[in-house]
């Protein structure tokens, strides 16, 4: 089962967050992650508004968690700390109805 990594972000330091994004991309790709949405147009309908929204698909729930816990991603994440307010969730996808 594939999994989605969904992040809602408010960037408070664009320069530092840019370093995070540059380092996080290769770490995500190394774990089979593919970006489906990355900071495009959106409309907030409910809940807290965070102007940057990112969705990545991973080959499995376990791969998404392994990516987050990897040394490469954790090193990238250091740039985001103090440079953003973030919510991140990993969701296992529902198989298509047959």
N, C-alpha and C. Protein backbone atom coordinates (compact mmCIF):
# COMPACT_ATOMS: atom_id res chain seq x y z
N UNK A 1 0.83 -1.18 0.00
CA UNK A 1 0.00 0.00 0.00
C UNK A 1 0.88 1.25 0.00
N UNK A 2 0.59 2.15 -0.91
CA UNK A 2 1.33 3.40 -0.95
C UNK A 2 0.88 4.30 0.21
N UNK A 3 1.68 5.33 0.46
CA UNK A 3 1.37 6.26 1.54
C UNK A 3 1.63 7.68 1.07
N UNK A 4 0.88 8.60 1.66
CA UNK A 4 1.04 10.02 1.36
C UNK A 4 1.65 10.73 2.56
N UNK A 5 2.57 11.61 2.25
CA UNK A 5 3.20 12.48 3.24
C UNK A 5 2.60 13.85 2.97
N UNK A 6 1.84 14.38 3.93
CA UNK A 6 1.14 15.65 3.75
C UNK A 6 1.68 16.66 4.76
N UNK A 7 2.22 17.76 4.26
CA UNK A 7 2.77 18.80 5.12
C UNK A 7 2.06 20.11 4.85
N UNK A 8 1.74 20.80 5.93
CA UNK A 8 1.17 22.15 5.87
C UNK A 8 2.16 23.05 6.60
N UNK A 9 2.66 24.08 5.90
CA UNK A 9 3.81 24.82 6.40
C UNK A 9 3.58 26.33 6.31
N UNK A 10 4.01 27.03 7.34
CA UNK A 10 4.12 28.48 7.31
C UNK A 10 5.61 28.78 7.42
N UNK A 11 6.20 29.29 6.36
CA UNK A 11 7.63 29.58 6.33
C UNK A 11 7.86 30.94 7.00
N UNK A 12 8.76 30.97 7.99
CA UNK A 12 9.08 32.21 8.70
C UNK A 12 10.47 32.73 8.35
N UNK A 13 11.32 31.89 7.75
CA UNK A 13 12.66 32.29 7.30
C UNK A 13 12.90 31.61 5.96
N UNK A 14 12.64 32.36 4.88
CA UNK A 14 12.70 31.78 3.53
C UNK A 14 14.09 31.25 3.17
N UNK A 15 15.13 31.93 3.57
CA UNK A 15 16.48 31.49 3.23
C UNK A 15 16.81 30.14 3.87
N UNK A 16 16.56 30.02 5.16
CA UNK A 16 16.83 28.75 5.85
C UNK A 16 15.92 27.65 5.34
N UNK A 17 14.65 27.97 5.09
CA UNK A 17 13.72 26.95 4.61
C UNK A 17 14.10 26.48 3.21
N UNK A 18 14.65 27.38 2.41
CA UNK A 18 15.15 26.99 1.09
C UNK A 18 16.25 25.94 1.19
N UNK A 19 17.10 26.07 2.20
CA UNK A 19 18.16 25.06 2.43
C UNK A 19 17.54 23.72 2.81
N UNK A 20 16.47 23.78 3.62
CA UNK A 20 15.76 22.55 3.98
C UNK A 20 15.21 21.88 2.72
N UNK A 21 14.50 22.65 1.90
CA UNK A 21 13.87 22.09 0.70
C UNK A 21 14.91 21.48 -0.24
N UNK A 22 16.03 22.15 -0.38
CA UNK A 22 17.09 21.65 -1.26
C UNK A 22 17.66 20.32 -0.76
N UNK A 23 17.81 20.18 0.55
CA UNK A 23 18.36 18.95 1.12
C UNK A 23 17.30 17.86 1.28
N UNK A 24 16.05 18.25 1.54
CA UNK A 24 14.99 17.26 1.78
C UNK A 24 14.60 16.53 0.49
N UNK A 25 14.60 17.23 -0.63
CA UNK A 25 14.18 16.62 -1.90
C UNK A 25 14.93 15.33 -2.22
N UNK A 26 16.28 15.36 -2.20
CA UNK A 26 17.02 14.12 -2.47
C UNK A 26 16.77 13.02 -1.44
N UNK A 27 16.58 13.39 -0.19
CA UNK A 27 16.31 12.38 0.85
C UNK A 27 14.96 11.72 0.59
N UNK A 28 13.98 12.50 0.20
CA UNK A 28 12.66 11.97 -0.10
C UNK A 28 12.72 11.06 -1.33
N UNK A 29 13.40 11.51 -2.36
CA UNK A 29 13.54 10.71 -3.59
C UNK A 29 14.28 9.40 -3.31
N UNK A 30 15.27 9.42 -2.44
CA UNK A 30 16.05 8.22 -2.12
C UNK A 30 15.18 7.14 -1.47
N UNK A 31 14.06 7.54 -0.89
CA UNK A 31 13.15 6.58 -0.27
C UNK A 31 11.93 6.31 -1.14
N UNK A 32 12.03 6.67 -2.41
CA UNK A 32 10.95 6.39 -3.35
C UNK A 32 9.85 7.43 -3.36
N UNK A 33 10.04 8.54 -2.67
CA UNK A 33 9.03 9.58 -2.61
C UNK A 33 8.97 10.38 -3.90
N UNK A 34 7.76 10.71 -4.32
CA UNK A 34 7.51 11.51 -5.52
C UNK A 34 6.54 12.62 -5.12
N UNK A 35 6.90 13.86 -5.46
CA UNK A 35 6.03 14.99 -5.11
C UNK A 35 4.82 15.03 -6.02
N UNK A 36 3.64 15.14 -5.41
CA UNK A 36 2.39 15.30 -6.14
C UNK A 36 1.93 16.76 -6.12
N UNK A 37 2.25 17.46 -5.05
CA UNK A 37 1.94 18.89 -4.92
C UNK A 37 3.04 19.50 -4.07
N UNK A 38 3.45 20.70 -4.46
CA UNK A 38 4.56 21.32 -3.74
C UNK A 38 4.41 22.84 -3.83
N UNK A 39 3.61 23.41 -2.91
CA UNK A 39 3.50 24.85 -2.83
C UNK A 39 2.65 25.50 -3.90
N UNK A 40 1.77 24.76 -4.56
CA UNK A 40 0.92 25.33 -5.61
C UNK A 40 -0.30 26.04 -5.05
N UNK A 41 -1.19 26.37 -5.94
CA UNK A 41 -2.43 27.04 -5.55
C UNK A 41 -3.23 26.17 -4.59
N UNK A 42 -3.94 26.83 -3.68
CA UNK A 42 -4.79 26.11 -2.73
C UNK A 42 -5.86 27.06 -2.24
N UNK A 43 -6.89 26.51 -1.64
CA UNK A 43 -7.91 27.31 -0.96
C UNK A 43 -8.18 26.65 0.38
N UNK A 44 -7.94 27.37 1.45
CA UNK A 44 -8.18 26.85 2.80
C UNK A 44 -9.67 26.90 3.08
N UNK A 45 -10.27 25.76 3.37
CA UNK A 45 -11.71 25.70 3.62
C UNK A 45 -12.03 25.53 5.10
N UNK A 46 -11.18 24.83 5.83
CA UNK A 46 -11.40 24.62 7.26
C UNK A 46 -10.04 24.55 7.95
N UNK A 47 -10.04 24.78 9.24
CA UNK A 47 -8.82 24.61 10.03
C UNK A 47 -7.82 25.73 9.86
N UNK A 48 -6.60 25.46 10.30
CA UNK A 48 -5.53 26.45 10.28
C UNK A 48 -4.93 26.61 8.90
N UNK A 49 -4.80 27.85 8.49
CA UNK A 49 -4.21 28.15 7.18
C UNK A 49 -2.69 28.14 7.27
N UNK A 50 -2.07 27.34 6.43
CA UNK A 50 -0.62 27.34 6.27
C UNK A 50 -0.38 27.47 4.77
N UNK A 51 0.27 28.53 4.32
CA UNK A 51 0.32 28.85 2.89
C UNK A 51 1.16 27.91 2.02
N UNK A 52 1.97 27.04 2.61
CA UNK A 52 2.73 26.09 1.80
C UNK A 52 2.21 24.70 2.12
N UNK A 53 1.79 23.99 1.08
CA UNK A 53 1.23 22.64 1.24
C UNK A 53 1.98 21.70 0.32
N UNK A 54 2.42 20.58 0.88
CA UNK A 54 3.23 19.63 0.12
C UNK A 54 2.64 18.23 0.30
N UNK A 55 2.53 17.50 -0.81
CA UNK A 55 2.08 16.11 -0.77
C UNK A 55 3.08 15.28 -1.56
N UNK A 56 3.58 14.23 -0.94
CA UNK A 56 4.49 13.30 -1.62
C UNK A 56 3.92 11.90 -1.45
N UNK A 57 4.08 11.08 -2.48
CA UNK A 57 3.64 9.67 -2.42
C UNK A 57 4.88 8.80 -2.27
N UNK A 58 4.79 7.85 -1.35
CA UNK A 58 5.85 6.87 -1.11
C UNK A 58 5.34 5.48 -1.47
N UNK A 59 6.24 4.56 -1.80
CA UNK A 59 5.81 3.22 -2.19
C UNK A 59 5.13 2.44 -1.07
N UNK A 60 5.37 2.86 0.18
CA UNK A 60 4.73 2.18 1.31
C UNK A 60 4.73 3.11 2.52
N UNK A 61 3.89 2.78 3.49
CA UNK A 61 3.84 3.51 4.75
C UNK A 61 5.20 3.43 5.43
N UNK A 62 5.79 2.23 5.40
CA UNK A 62 7.09 2.02 6.04
C UNK A 62 8.18 2.85 5.39
N UNK A 63 8.15 2.98 4.05
CA UNK A 63 9.15 3.79 3.35
C UNK A 63 9.03 5.26 3.74
N UNK A 64 7.82 5.75 3.91
CA UNK A 64 7.61 7.14 4.31
C UNK A 64 8.17 7.40 5.71
N UNK A 65 7.92 6.47 6.62
CA UNK A 65 8.43 6.61 7.98
C UNK A 65 9.96 6.49 7.99
N UNK A 66 10.49 5.55 7.21
CA UNK A 66 11.95 5.40 7.13
C UNK A 66 12.59 6.66 6.58
N UNK A 67 11.97 7.30 5.63
CA UNK A 67 12.48 8.55 5.09
C UNK A 67 12.57 9.60 6.18
N UNK A 68 11.47 9.79 6.91
CA UNK A 68 11.45 10.80 7.96
C UNK A 68 12.55 10.54 8.99
N UNK A 69 12.76 9.29 9.35
CA UNK A 69 13.74 8.93 10.38
C UNK A 69 15.16 8.82 9.86
N UNK A 70 15.35 8.93 8.55
CA UNK A 70 16.70 8.76 7.98
C UNK A 70 17.62 9.90 8.38
N UNK A 71 18.90 9.59 8.43
CA UNK A 71 19.91 10.60 8.77
C UNK A 71 19.88 11.77 7.78
N UNK A 72 19.66 11.47 6.50
CA UNK A 72 19.65 12.51 5.47
C UNK A 72 18.48 13.48 5.69
N UNK A 73 17.30 12.94 5.95
CA UNK A 73 16.15 13.81 6.15
C UNK A 73 16.27 14.58 7.46
N UNK A 74 16.72 13.93 8.50
CA UNK A 74 16.88 14.62 9.78
C UNK A 74 17.89 15.76 9.68
N UNK A 75 18.93 15.57 8.88
CA UNK A 75 19.90 16.66 8.66
C UNK A 75 19.22 17.82 7.94
N UNK A 76 18.40 17.52 6.94
CA UNK A 76 17.66 18.57 6.22
C UNK A 76 16.70 19.28 7.16
N UNK A 77 16.04 18.51 8.02
CA UNK A 77 15.04 19.06 8.92
C UNK A 77 15.61 20.11 9.86
N UNK A 78 16.89 20.02 10.16
CA UNK A 78 17.52 21.02 11.03
C UNK A 78 17.37 22.43 10.45
N UNK A 79 17.37 22.56 9.11
CA UNK A 79 17.20 23.87 8.48
C UNK A 79 15.78 24.40 8.66
N UNK A 80 14.79 23.50 8.75
CA UNK A 80 13.39 23.92 8.88
C UNK A 80 13.05 24.35 10.31
N UNK A 81 13.76 23.79 11.28
CA UNK A 81 13.49 24.14 12.68
C UNK A 81 13.83 25.61 12.89
N UNK A 82 12.89 26.34 13.43
CA UNK A 82 13.09 27.76 13.65
C UNK A 82 12.85 28.60 12.39
N UNK A 83 12.64 27.95 11.25
CA UNK A 83 12.40 28.65 9.99
C UNK A 83 10.98 28.42 9.48
N UNK A 84 10.19 27.66 10.26
CA UNK A 84 8.84 27.34 9.81
C UNK A 84 8.00 26.82 10.96
N UNK A 85 6.70 26.90 10.75
CA UNK A 85 5.72 26.22 11.59
C UNK A 85 5.13 25.15 10.70
N UNK A 86 5.16 23.88 11.14
CA UNK A 86 4.80 22.78 10.25
C UNK A 86 3.88 21.78 10.94
N UNK A 87 3.01 21.21 10.14
CA UNK A 87 2.26 20.02 10.51
C UNK A 87 2.58 18.99 9.44
N UNK A 88 2.90 17.78 9.85
CA UNK A 88 3.25 16.72 8.90
C UNK A 88 2.55 15.44 9.34
N UNK A 89 1.89 14.79 8.39
CA UNK A 89 1.22 13.53 8.67
C UNK A 89 1.52 12.56 7.54
N UNK A 90 1.64 11.29 7.88
CA UNK A 90 1.80 10.23 6.90
C UNK A 90 0.51 9.41 6.92
N UNK A 91 -0.08 9.21 5.74
CA UNK A 91 -1.37 8.54 5.62
C UNK A 91 -1.26 7.39 4.64
N UNK A 92 -1.63 6.20 5.06
CA UNK A 92 -1.66 5.07 4.14
C UNK A 92 -2.84 5.25 3.18
N UNK A 93 -2.58 5.10 1.89
CA UNK A 93 -3.63 5.28 0.90
C UNK A 93 -4.61 4.12 0.91
N UNK A 94 -5.83 4.43 0.56
CA UNK A 94 -6.88 3.43 0.43
C UNK A 94 -6.78 2.84 -0.98
N UNK A 95 -6.82 1.52 -1.11
CA UNK A 95 -6.77 0.95 -2.46
C UNK A 95 -7.98 1.35 -3.27
N UNK A 96 -7.83 1.49 -4.58
CA UNK A 96 -8.98 1.84 -5.42
C UNK A 96 -10.05 0.75 -5.35
N UNK A 97 -11.30 1.15 -5.44
CA UNK A 97 -12.40 0.19 -5.46
C UNK A 97 -12.36 -0.60 -6.75
N UNK A 98 -12.65 -1.86 -6.65
CA UNK A 98 -12.60 -2.71 -7.86
C UNK A 98 -13.93 -2.80 -8.53
